[in-house]
Amino acid sequence: MTGNDIRAVFEAAGCEGALCVLEVGGEGEVALDAEAPVVAASVSKVQIALEVETWFAEGRLDPRERVVLRAGERTDGPTGLSLLADDVELSLRDLVVLMLTVSDNPATDELLRRVGTASVNATAERLGLAGTVLGSDLRTMLDTVGEDLGRADWADLQRWSPTATPLQHAEADRLLLASRTLDPARSPLRTTPRDMARLLALIWTDRAGPPAACARVRSVMARQLTRHRLGSAFRPPTRVAAKSGSLFGIVRNEAGVVTLPDGRHYAAAVFTRSAPGADDAAISTAIGTAAALAVATLAGSG
């Protein structure tokens, strides 16, 4: 199998793709544009989870501390607490579960408020992830999108959208493609496929932080609700623990670890980009297919 074989999978699904799959604990690698900057989207929540769990393990945060996330003040998002009408009270450690399993945005921003972007970025630097940067929280990212589309902020964009004409929506789509958030070189959520695969390999071998923190991230990632990307290509007893990420029907990603029945682990980071209106199901399936080709190549040579 060659990089061109994997590229053909993405092209058939109507998207561009980049990939890195590493043999955890070994030297094997399959890569396609693995050093290219990509928009991480919610895959970056793995970094935040690692930082928060490290603070828990080191006693800098109490995982049982309860917080109230008030209605009307929570970060917008398509899932989880963003959809609820009332105030919500829960523990910090349960916010980690919501962040990784259903990609909850309010949970993410509350956790990031506690540890700070500087701390997350310092850990990325310590781990040698030179192409990985977390530039802001999610609320700030969304407000930047609103600004780039000519509105005051994200809330203003949401108020404007239902009243806009088809021509105005077409212009907004054009501006969105050029927005800072979707520019791999400027996005506040950016990484490379190799960086993210390395991060997962470090978490799976307890080298990314305290063993308790790494174990917790592994455990919660195994419970992610999304199963139609990497998980679409692997069936039990093979296991997949992953974190997906999507933005505006243009970016679709997933990073996770595939564990074969014989116990071998493979860290896979797959990032895609398409035009608006592309076939979501086809691209999600391509993410799994490309990773499975790479895993099969590495497993066969091991």
Protein backbone atom coordinates (compact mmCIF):
# COMPACT_ATOMS: atom_id res chain seq x y z
CA MET A 1 0.00 0.00 0.00
CA THR A 2 1.25 3.51 -0.88
CA GLY A 3 0.31 7.04 0.02
CA ASN A 4 -1.37 7.26 -3.37
CA ASP A 5 -3.67 4.37 -2.39
CA ILE A 6 -4.79 6.31 0.68
CA ARG A 7 -5.10 9.55 -1.28
CA ALA A 8 -7.38 7.74 -3.72
CA VAL A 9 -9.70 6.77 -0.85
CA PHE A 10 -10.13 10.43 0.09
CA GLU A 11 -10.52 11.58 -3.50
CA ALA A 12 -13.26 9.00 -4.11
CA ALA A 13 -15.14 10.37 -1.09
CA GLY A 14 -14.87 13.94 -2.38
CA CYS A 15 -12.35 15.36 0.05
CA GLU A 16 -8.68 16.05 0.69
CA GLY A 17 -7.06 14.03 3.44
CA ALA A 18 -3.94 13.75 5.55
CA LEU A 19 -3.05 10.84 7.78
CA CYS A 20 -0.50 9.41 10.18
CA VAL A 21 -0.76 5.94 11.69
CA LEU A 22 1.92 4.82 14.14
CA GLU A 23 2.68 1.47 15.69
CA VAL A 24 2.44 2.20 19.42
CA GLY A 25 5.63 0.99 21.08
CA GLY A 26 7.25 0.29 17.72
CA GLU A 27 8.80 2.03 14.73
CA GLY A 28 6.19 1.42 12.06
CA GLU A 29 4.46 4.35 10.39
CA VAL A 30 2.17 4.99 7.44
CA ALA A 31 1.85 8.64 6.51
CA LEU A 32 0.23 10.92 3.98
CA ASP A 33 1.10 14.63 4.32
CA ALA A 34 1.74 13.91 7.98
CA GLU A 35 3.64 17.15 8.62
CA ALA A 36 1.07 19.37 6.91
CA PRO A 37 -0.77 21.80 9.20
CA VAL A 38 -4.42 20.90 9.63
CA VAL A 39 -7.44 22.29 11.45
CA ALA A 40 -7.79 20.06 14.50
CA ALA A 41 -11.37 21.05 15.39
CA SER A 42 -12.56 19.05 18.41
CA VAL A 43 -9.70 16.56 18.17
CA SER A 44 -7.88 19.23 20.21
CA LYS A 45 -10.06 18.24 23.16
CA VAL A 46 -7.71 15.29 23.72
CA GLN A 47 -5.00 17.79 24.66
CA ILE A 48 -7.32 19.59 27.04
CA ALA A 49 -8.41 16.33 28.65
CA LEU A 50 -4.80 15.30 29.19
CA GLU A 51 -4.00 18.64 30.82
CA VAL A 52 -7.04 18.56 33.10
CA GLU A 53 -6.44 14.95 34.12
CA THR A 54 -2.79 15.79 34.82
CA TRP A 55 -3.91 18.57 37.13
CA PHE A 56 -6.26 16.12 38.85
CA ALA A 57 -3.47 13.56 39.29
CA GLU A 58 -1.06 16.19 40.64
CA GLY A 59 -3.58 17.65 43.08
CA ARG A 60 -3.85 21.03 41.36
CA LEU A 61 -7.58 20.54 40.72
CA ASP A 62 -10.16 18.56 42.68
CA PRO A 63 -11.94 16.26 40.21
CA ARG A 64 -15.00 16.20 42.49
CA GLU A 65 -15.37 19.99 42.61
CA ARG A 66 -18.86 20.92 41.51
CA VAL A 67 -19.51 23.77 39.11
CA VAL A 68 -22.67 25.43 37.83
CA LEU A 69 -22.92 26.18 34.12
CA ARG A 70 -25.70 28.70 33.74
CA ALA A 71 -28.22 28.78 30.93
CA GLY A 72 -27.59 31.65 28.57
CA GLU A 73 -23.90 31.81 29.50
CA ARG A 74 -22.70 28.51 28.03
CA THR A 75 -20.66 28.26 24.83
CA ASP A 76 -22.75 27.39 21.79
CA GLY A 77 -22.51 23.93 20.25
CA PRO A 78 -24.51 21.20 18.50
CA THR A 79 -24.50 18.65 21.33
CA GLY A 80 -24.62 18.21 25.08
CA LEU A 81 -25.12 21.06 27.53
CA SER A 82 -25.55 23.64 24.76
CA LEU A 83 -28.94 22.11 24.03
CA LEU A 84 -30.30 22.39 27.59
CA ALA A 85 -32.61 25.16 28.80
CA ASP A 86 -31.69 25.26 32.49
CA ASP A 87 -28.67 25.70 34.73
CA VAL A 88 -26.59 22.53 35.13
CA GLU A 89 -24.43 21.49 38.09
CA LEU A 90 -21.85 18.71 37.84
CA SER A 91 -18.27 17.82 38.75
CA LEU A 92 -15.11 18.73 36.90
CA ARG A 93 -14.33 15.09 36.18
CA ASP A 94 -17.77 14.63 34.65
CA LEU A 95 -17.11 17.64 32.42
CA VAL A 96 -14.17 15.66 31.00
CA VAL A 97 -16.54 12.80 30.18
CA LEU A 98 -18.92 15.12 28.34
CA MET A 99 -16.05 16.78 26.49
CA LEU A 100 -14.64 13.52 25.14
CA THR A 101 -17.76 11.40 24.66
CA VAL A 102 -20.16 13.92 23.07
CA SER A 103 -17.66 16.73 22.29
CA ASP A 104 -19.44 19.13 24.64
CA ASN A 105 -18.37 22.75 24.05
CA PRO A 106 -19.51 24.32 27.37
CA ALA A 107 -17.69 21.56 29.27
CA THR A 108 -14.56 22.20 27.21
CA ASP A 109 -14.52 25.94 27.83
CA GLU A 110 -15.12 25.53 31.57
CA LEU A 111 -12.21 23.09 31.83
CA LEU A 112 -10.01 25.29 29.68
CA ARG A 113 -10.85 28.24 31.92
CA ARG A 114 -9.41 26.26 34.83
CA VAL A 115 -6.13 25.17 33.25
CA GLY A 116 -5.57 27.87 30.61
CA THR A 117 -4.39 27.67 27.02
CA ALA A 118 -0.81 28.49 28.07
CA SER A 119 -0.63 25.33 30.16
CA VAL A 120 -2.03 23.17 27.35
CA ASN A 121 0.49 24.66 24.91
CA ALA A 122 3.37 24.21 27.35
CA THR A 123 2.53 20.50 27.55
CA ALA A 124 2.45 20.24 23.76
CA GLU A 125 5.88 21.86 23.63
CA ARG A 126 7.22 19.54 26.34
CA LEU A 127 6.02 16.54 24.35
CA GLY A 128 7.68 17.78 21.17
CA LEU A 129 4.46 18.59 19.32
CA ALA A 130 5.87 21.59 17.50
CA GLY A 131 3.00 21.91 15.02
CA THR A 132 0.23 21.85 17.64
CA VAL A 133 -1.25 25.08 19.03
CA LEU A 134 -4.37 25.85 21.02
CA GLY A 135 -4.89 29.54 20.39
CA SER A 136 -8.15 30.26 22.20
CA ASP A 137 -11.18 28.79 23.87
CA LEU A 138 -14.14 27.74 21.74
CA ARG A 139 -16.29 30.79 22.49
CA THR A 140 -13.53 33.07 21.20
CA MET A 141 -13.08 30.87 18.14
CA LEU A 142 -16.78 31.10 17.30
CA ASP A 143 -16.80 34.87 17.77
CA THR A 144 -13.87 35.08 15.34
CA VAL A 145 -15.93 33.20 12.77
CA GLY A 146 -18.73 35.70 13.21
CA GLU A 147 -16.31 38.58 12.71
CA ASP A 148 -14.81 37.01 9.58
CA LEU A 149 -18.31 36.70 8.12
CA GLY A 150 -18.95 40.39 8.68
CA ARG A 151 -20.94 40.21 11.91
CA ALA A 152 -20.17 41.52 15.40
CA ASP A 153 -19.69 38.06 16.90
CA TRP A 154 -21.07 34.50 16.79
CA ALA A 155 -24.36 35.42 18.48
CA ASP A 156 -24.91 38.20 15.94
CA LEU A 157 -24.23 35.75 13.12
CA GLN A 158 -26.80 33.32 14.54
CA ARG A 159 -29.42 36.08 14.75
CA TRP A 160 -28.69 37.21 11.20
CA SER A 161 -28.60 33.82 9.49
CA PRO A 162 -32.36 33.00 9.48
CA THR A 163 -33.14 36.34 7.81
CA ALA A 164 -30.38 36.28 5.19
CA THR A 165 -31.13 35.88 1.50
CA PRO A 166 -29.70 33.02 -0.61
CA LEU A 167 -27.17 35.45 -2.10
CA GLN A 168 -26.10 36.57 1.37
CA HIS A 169 -25.70 32.94 2.45
CA ALA A 170 -23.59 32.22 -0.62
CA GLU A 171 -21.34 35.17 0.26
CA ALA A 172 -21.12 33.95 3.86
CA ASP A 173 -20.03 30.51 2.63
CA ARG A 174 -17.29 32.16 0.57
CA LEU A 175 -16.09 34.14 3.56
CA LEU A 176 -16.24 31.07 5.80
CA LEU A 177 -13.82 29.15 3.58
CA ALA A 178 -11.32 32.00 3.96
CA SER A 179 -11.90 32.49 7.70
CA ARG A 180 -9.09 32.33 10.22
CA THR A 181 -10.62 29.33 11.96
CA LEU A 182 -10.56 27.21 8.79
CA ASP A 183 -7.06 28.30 7.75
CA PRO A 184 -4.63 25.56 8.89
CA ALA A 185 -1.85 28.13 9.31
CA ARG A 186 -3.92 30.50 11.48
CA SER A 187 -6.63 28.41 13.11
CA PRO A 188 -6.75 28.57 16.91
CA LEU A 189 -7.18 24.79 16.79
CA ARG A 190 -4.31 23.51 14.71
CA THR A 191 -2.02 20.50 14.66
CA THR A 192 -0.44 18.00 12.25
CA PRO A 193 -1.38 14.36 11.72
CA ARG A 194 2.00 13.21 13.03
CA ASP A 195 1.75 15.38 16.15
CA MET A 196 -1.65 13.99 17.03
CA ALA A 197 -0.64 10.38 16.38
CA ARG A 198 2.44 10.91 18.57
CA LEU A 199 0.30 12.41 21.34
CA LEU A 200 -1.94 9.35 21.32
CA ALA A 201 1.04 7.00 21.33
CA LEU A 202 2.45 8.87 24.34
CA ILE A 203 -0.87 8.67 26.17
CA TRP A 204 -1.16 4.95 25.46
CA THR A 205 2.31 4.31 26.88
CA ASP A 206 1.93 6.58 29.97
CA ARG A 207 4.59 8.98 28.68
CA ALA A 208 2.38 12.01 28.11
CA GLY A 209 1.77 12.67 31.78
CA PRO A 210 1.06 10.89 35.07
CA PRO A 211 -0.02 7.28 34.46
CA ALA A 212 -3.36 7.95 36.19
CA ALA A 213 -4.04 10.86 33.85
CA CYS A 214 -3.15 8.84 30.75
CA ALA A 215 -5.30 5.92 31.91
CA ARG A 216 -8.28 8.18 32.47
CA VAL A 217 -8.00 9.75 29.00
CA ARG A 218 -7.76 6.29 27.43
CA SER A 219 -10.80 5.08 29.35
CA VAL A 220 -13.04 8.02 28.47
CA MET A 221 -11.97 8.08 24.80
CA ALA A 222 -13.09 4.46 24.56
CA ARG A 223 -16.64 5.65 25.35
CA GLN A 224 -16.94 8.27 22.61
CA LEU A 225 -20.42 8.23 21.08
CA THR A 226 -19.16 8.74 17.50
CA ARG A 227 -18.59 5.34 15.86
CA HIS A 228 -19.02 6.07 12.15
CA ARG A 229 -15.48 7.23 11.35
CA LEU A 230 -12.54 5.14 12.55
CA GLY A 231 -14.97 2.71 14.13
CA SER A 232 -16.72 2.07 10.81
CA ALA A 233 -13.75 0.02 9.58
CA PHE A 234 -13.10 -2.13 12.64
CA ARG A 235 -15.28 -4.75 14.28
CA PRO A 236 -15.01 -6.50 17.67
CA PRO A 237 -12.89 -7.90 19.11
CA THR A 238 -10.79 -5.05 17.65
CA ARG A 239 -11.32 -1.96 19.82
CA VAL A 240 -11.25 1.73 18.94
CA ALA A 241 -10.86 4.61 21.40
CA ALA A 242 -11.11 7.95 19.61
CA LYS A 243 -12.02 11.62 19.47
CA SER A 244 -13.75 13.09 16.46
CA GLY A 245 -13.81 16.68 15.26
CA SER A 246 -15.91 18.56 12.73
CA LEU A 247 -16.40 22.17 11.66
CA PHE A 248 -19.12 23.67 9.47
CA GLY A 249 -19.47 20.71 7.10
CA ILE A 250 -15.95 21.37 5.78
CA VAL A 251 -13.57 19.78 8.28
CA ARG A 252 -14.10 16.18 9.40
CA ASN A 253 -11.44 14.45 11.49
CA GLU A 254 -10.84 11.64 13.90
CA ALA A 255 -7.85 10.58 15.99
CA GLY A 256 -7.78 7.40 18.01
CA VAL A 257 -6.06 4.18 18.91
CA VAL A 258 -6.97 0.86 17.31
CA THR A 259 -6.27 -2.17 19.50
CA LEU A 260 -6.13 -5.52 17.71
CA PRO A 261 -7.22 -8.75 19.43
CA ASP A 262 -3.55 -9.71 19.96
CA GLY A 263 -3.01 -6.51 21.97
CA ARG A 264 -1.08 -4.50 19.39
CA HIS A 265 -1.97 -0.78 19.35
CA TYR A 266 -1.96 1.65 16.42
CA ALA A 267 -2.40 5.40 16.85
CA ALA A 268 -4.29 6.86 13.90
CA ALA A 269 -4.84 10.55 13.16
CA VAL A 270 -6.92 11.35 10.07
CA PHE A 271 -7.86 14.87 8.95
CA THR A 272 -10.06 15.80 5.99
CA ARG A 273 -11.33 18.90 4.27
CA SER A 274 -14.05 19.24 1.65
CA ALA A 275 -16.19 21.80 -0.10
CA PRO A 276 -19.50 22.68 1.58
CA GLY A 277 -22.24 20.19 0.80
CA ALA A 278 -19.93 17.19 0.38
CA ASP A 279 -21.14 13.70 1.27
CA ASP A 280 -20.69 13.48 5.03
CA ALA A 281 -21.29 9.72 5.19
CA ALA A 282 -18.81 9.00 2.41
CA ILE A 283 -16.09 11.11 4.03
CA SER A 284 -16.66 9.59 7.47
CA THR A 285 -16.38 6.12 5.97
CA ALA A 286 -13.22 7.14 4.10
CA ILE A 287 -11.63 8.13 7.41
CA GLY A 288 -12.10 4.59 8.67
CA THR A 289 -11.12 2.97 5.38
CA ALA A 290 -7.86 4.93 5.12
CA ALA A 291 -6.91 4.12 8.71
CA ALA A 292 -7.74 0.45 8.22
CA LEU A 293 -5.50 0.25 5.14
CA ALA A 294 -2.65 1.73 7.14
CA VAL A 295 -3.23 -0.52 10.15
CA ALA A 296 -3.38 -3.60 7.92
CA THR A 297 -0.07 -2.62 6.31
CA LEU A 298 1.65 -2.14 9.66
CA ALA A 299 0.13 -5.26 11.22
CA GLY A 300 1.14 -7.33 8.24
CA SER A 301 4.73 -6.17 8.43
CA GLY A 302 5.00 -6.60 12.20
